[in-house]
Amino acid sequence: MADTAAAKAYLEAQLVELKERQERIAQDLATPLNPDSSEQAVELEDDASLEGQAALLVREIASVQRALTRIKNGTYGECVRCGEQISAKRLDARPEAALCIRCARQEQ
């Protein structure tokens, strides 16, 4: 998504979707446990999974918000580490990418 306007539209839509998922998870986690102890065990396992998903969503939301900030600041498409341009193919695959492929590989 070398086209910044298209990237912005995509990222804004993705942000809405991620926040909706986050809200659904929060609602599920707020639901009181079943009084039946065997059902509680299952619900607790489900809650643990939902908490893991919630943590991932927080990271994804932050990543998308940072990408939108880079668009606003005019630095979208520049690697935040080395300053080189991020390839259009990488931005097409991961519009929220903050690192060029070389810097991303160094992090792994």
C-alpha atoms as a PDB file:
ATOM      1  CA  MET A   1       0.000   0.000   0.000  1.00  0.00           C
ATOM      2  CA  ALA A   2       2.393   2.607  -1.221  1.00  0.00           C
ATOM      3  CA  ASP A   3      -0.659   4.846  -1.722  1.00  0.00           C
ATOM      4  CA  THR A   4      -0.888   6.646   1.611  1.00  0.00           C
ATOM      5  CA  ALA A   5      -4.598   7.475   1.257  1.00  0.00           C
ATOM      6  CA  ALA A   6      -5.449   3.831   0.621  1.00  0.00           C
ATOM      7  CA  ALA A   7      -3.241   2.748   3.521  1.00  0.00           C
ATOM      8  CA  LYS A   8      -4.933   5.253   5.810  1.00  0.00           C
ATOM      9  CA  ALA A   9      -8.408   4.057   4.849  1.00  0.00           C
ATOM     10  CA  TYR A  10      -7.402   0.438   5.346  1.00  0.00           C
ATOM     11  CA  LEU A  11      -5.731   1.107   8.704  1.00  0.00           C
ATOM     12  CA  GLU A  12      -8.701   3.136   9.968  1.00  0.00           C
ATOM     13  CA  ALA A  13     -11.081   0.310   9.040  1.00  0.00           C
ATOM     14  CA  GLN A  14      -8.750  -2.218  10.662  1.00  0.00           C
ATOM     15  CA  LEU A  15      -8.626  -0.111  13.827  1.00  0.00           C
ATOM     16  CA  VAL A  16     -12.427  -0.051  14.059  1.00  0.00           C
ATOM     17  CA  GLU A  17     -12.575  -3.829  13.617  1.00  0.00           C
ATOM     18  CA  LEU A  18      -9.862  -4.453  16.209  1.00  0.00           C
ATOM     19  CA  LYS A  19     -11.568  -2.199  18.756  1.00  0.00           C
ATOM     20  CA  GLU A  20     -14.893  -3.969  18.160  1.00  0.00           C
ATOM     21  CA  ARG A  21     -13.196  -7.325  18.783  1.00  0.00           C
ATOM     22  CA  GLN A  22     -11.577  -5.906  21.894  1.00  0.00           C
ATOM     23  CA  GLU A  23     -14.970  -4.748  23.195  1.00  0.00           C
ATOM     24  CA  ARG A  24     -16.565  -8.154  22.554  1.00  0.00           C
ATOM     25  CA  ILE A  25     -13.749  -9.869  24.444  1.00  0.00           C
ATOM     26  CA  ALA A  26     -14.089  -7.408  27.338  1.00  0.00           C
ATOM     27  CA  GLN A  27     -17.824  -8.134  27.490  1.00  0.00           C
ATOM     28  CA  ASP A  28     -17.201 -11.883  27.453  1.00  0.00           C
ATOM     29  CA  LEU A  29     -14.643 -11.570  30.242  1.00  0.00           C
ATOM     30  CA  ALA A  30     -17.055  -9.468  32.311  1.00  0.00           C
ATOM     31  CA  THR A  31     -19.736 -12.166  32.198  1.00  0.00           C
ATOM     32  CA  PRO A  32     -20.080 -13.817  35.630  1.00  0.00           C
ATOM     33  CA  LEU A  33     -18.978 -17.427  35.910  1.00  0.00           C
ATOM     34  CA  ASN A  34     -21.526 -20.215  35.989  1.00  0.00           C
ATOM     35  CA  PRO A  35     -22.224 -21.420  39.550  1.00  0.00           C
ATOM     36  CA  ASP A  36     -21.691 -25.045  38.444  1.00  0.00           C
ATOM     37  CA  SER A  37     -18.065 -25.883  39.292  1.00  0.00           C
ATOM     38  CA  SER A  38     -17.482 -28.071  36.229  1.00  0.00           C
ATOM     39  CA  GLU A  39     -18.797 -25.308  33.982  1.00  0.00           C
ATOM     40  CA  GLN A  40     -16.604 -22.810  35.831  1.00  0.00           C
ATOM     41  CA  ALA A  41     -13.497 -24.824  34.945  1.00  0.00           C
ATOM     42  CA  VAL A  42     -14.366 -24.663  31.248  1.00  0.00           C
ATOM     43  CA  GLU A  43     -15.222 -20.970  31.468  1.00  0.00           C
ATOM     44  CA  LEU A  44     -11.937 -20.226  33.243  1.00  0.00           C
ATOM     45  CA  GLU A  45     -10.023 -21.934  30.430  1.00  0.00           C
ATOM     46  CA  ASP A  46     -11.985 -19.919  27.905  1.00  0.00           C
ATOM     47  CA  ASP A  47     -11.262 -16.735  29.844  1.00  0.00           C
ATOM     48  CA  ALA A  48      -7.533 -17.499  29.819  1.00  0.00           C
ATOM     49  CA  SER A  49      -7.663 -17.837  26.046  1.00  0.00           C
ATOM     50  CA  LEU A  50      -9.640 -14.606  25.733  1.00  0.00           C
ATOM     51  CA  GLU A  51      -7.125 -12.787  27.922  1.00  0.00           C
ATOM     52  CA  GLY A  52      -4.356 -13.918  25.580  1.00  0.00           C
ATOM     53  CA  GLN A  53      -6.337 -12.696  22.589  1.00  0.00           C
ATOM     54  CA  ALA A  54      -6.982  -9.390  24.357  1.00  0.00           C
ATOM     55  CA  ALA A  55      -3.253  -8.903  24.908  1.00  0.00           C
ATOM     56  CA  LEU A  56      -2.574  -9.514  21.208  1.00  0.00           C
ATOM     57  CA  LEU A  57      -5.301  -7.060  20.258  1.00  0.00           C
ATOM     58  CA  VAL A  58      -3.744  -4.370  22.438  1.00  0.00           C
ATOM     59  CA  ARG A  59      -0.465  -4.787  20.548  1.00  0.00           C
ATOM     60  CA  GLU A  60      -2.192  -4.811  17.156  1.00  0.00           C
ATOM     61  CA  ILE A  61      -4.209  -1.699  17.992  1.00  0.00           C
ATOM     62  CA  ALA A  62      -1.073   0.119  19.126  1.00  0.00           C
ATOM     63  CA  SER A  63       0.724  -0.886  15.922  1.00  0.00           C
ATOM     64  CA  VAL A  64      -2.115   0.398  13.732  1.00  0.00           C
ATOM     65  CA  GLN A  65      -2.344   3.637  15.736  1.00  0.00           C
ATOM     66  CA  ARG A  66       1.402   4.206  15.330  1.00  0.00           C
ATOM     67  CA  ALA A  67       1.075   3.653  11.564  1.00  0.00           C
ATOM     68  CA  LEU A  68      -1.747   6.203  11.424  1.00  0.00           C
ATOM     69  CA  THR A  69       0.437   8.644  13.352  1.00  0.00           C
ATOM     70  CA  ARG A  70       3.250   8.116  10.829  1.00  0.00           C
ATOM     71  CA  ILE A  71       0.784   8.874   8.028  1.00  0.00           C
ATOM     72  CA  LYS A  72      -0.289  12.053   9.825  1.00  0.00           C
ATOM     73  CA  ASN A  73       3.350  13.079  10.383  1.00  0.00           C
ATOM     74  CA  GLY A  74       4.358  12.323   6.792  1.00  0.00           C
ATOM     75  CA  THR A  75       6.798   9.575   7.747  1.00  0.00           C
ATOM     76  CA  TYR A  76       4.690   6.594   6.658  1.00  0.00           C
ATOM     77  CA  GLY A  77       6.749   4.156   4.624  1.00  0.00           C
ATOM     78  CA  GLU A  78      10.039   5.116   6.278  1.00  0.00           C
ATOM     79  CA  CYS A  79      11.730   2.559   8.498  1.00  0.00           C
ATOM     80  CA  VAL A  80      11.638   3.851  12.073  1.00  0.00           C
ATOM     81  CA  ARG A  81      15.037   2.285  12.760  1.00  0.00           C
ATOM     82  CA  CYS A  82      17.235   3.055   9.748  1.00  0.00           C
ATOM     83  CA  GLY A  83      15.177   5.669   7.884  1.00  0.00           C
ATOM     84  CA  GLU A  84      15.208   3.757   4.594  1.00  0.00           C
ATOM     85  CA  GLN A  85      12.032   3.370   2.565  1.00  0.00           C
ATOM     86  CA  ILE A  86       9.935   0.304   3.347  1.00  0.00           C
ATOM     87  CA  SER A  87       9.197  -1.565   0.134  1.00  0.00           C
ATOM     88  CA  ALA A  88       5.760  -1.202  -1.395  1.00  0.00           C
ATOM     89  CA  LYS A  89       5.373  -5.000  -1.329  1.00  0.00           C
ATOM     90  CA  ARG A  90       5.983  -5.048   2.434  1.00  0.00           C
ATOM     91  CA  LEU A  91       3.494  -2.225   2.998  1.00  0.00           C
ATOM     92  CA  ASP A  92       0.962  -4.048   0.825  1.00  0.00           C
ATOM     93  CA  ALA A  93       1.366  -7.147   2.988  1.00  0.00           C
ATOM     94  CA  ARG A  94       1.606  -5.279   6.316  1.00  0.00           C
ATOM     95  CA  PRO A  95       0.326  -1.705   6.061  1.00  0.00           C
ATOM     96  CA  GLU A  96       1.212  -1.147   9.719  1.00  0.00           C
ATOM     97  CA  ALA A  97       4.870  -2.126   9.164  1.00  0.00           C
ATOM     98  CA  ALA A  98       7.279   0.219  10.910  1.00  0.00           C
ATOM     99  CA  LEU A  99      10.490  -1.536   9.887  1.00  0.00           C
ATOM    100  CA  CYS A 100      12.000  -2.309   6.512  1.00  0.00           C
ATOM    101  CA  ILE A 101      12.510  -6.001   5.873  1.00  0.00           C
ATOM    102  CA  ARG A 102      16.222  -5.820   6.725  1.00  0.00           C
ATOM    103  CA  CYS A 103      15.600  -4.255  10.148  1.00  0.00           C
ATOM    104  CA  ALA A 104      12.655  -6.587  10.796  1.00  0.00           C
ATOM    105  CA  ARG A 105      14.890  -9.594  10.137  1.00  0.00           C
ATOM    106  CA  GLN A 106      17.496  -8.252  12.552  1.00  0.00           C
ATOM    107  CA  GLU A 107      14.849  -8.196  15.288  1.00  0.00           C
ATOM    108  CA  GLN A 108      14.102 -11.886  14.834  1.00  0.00           C
END
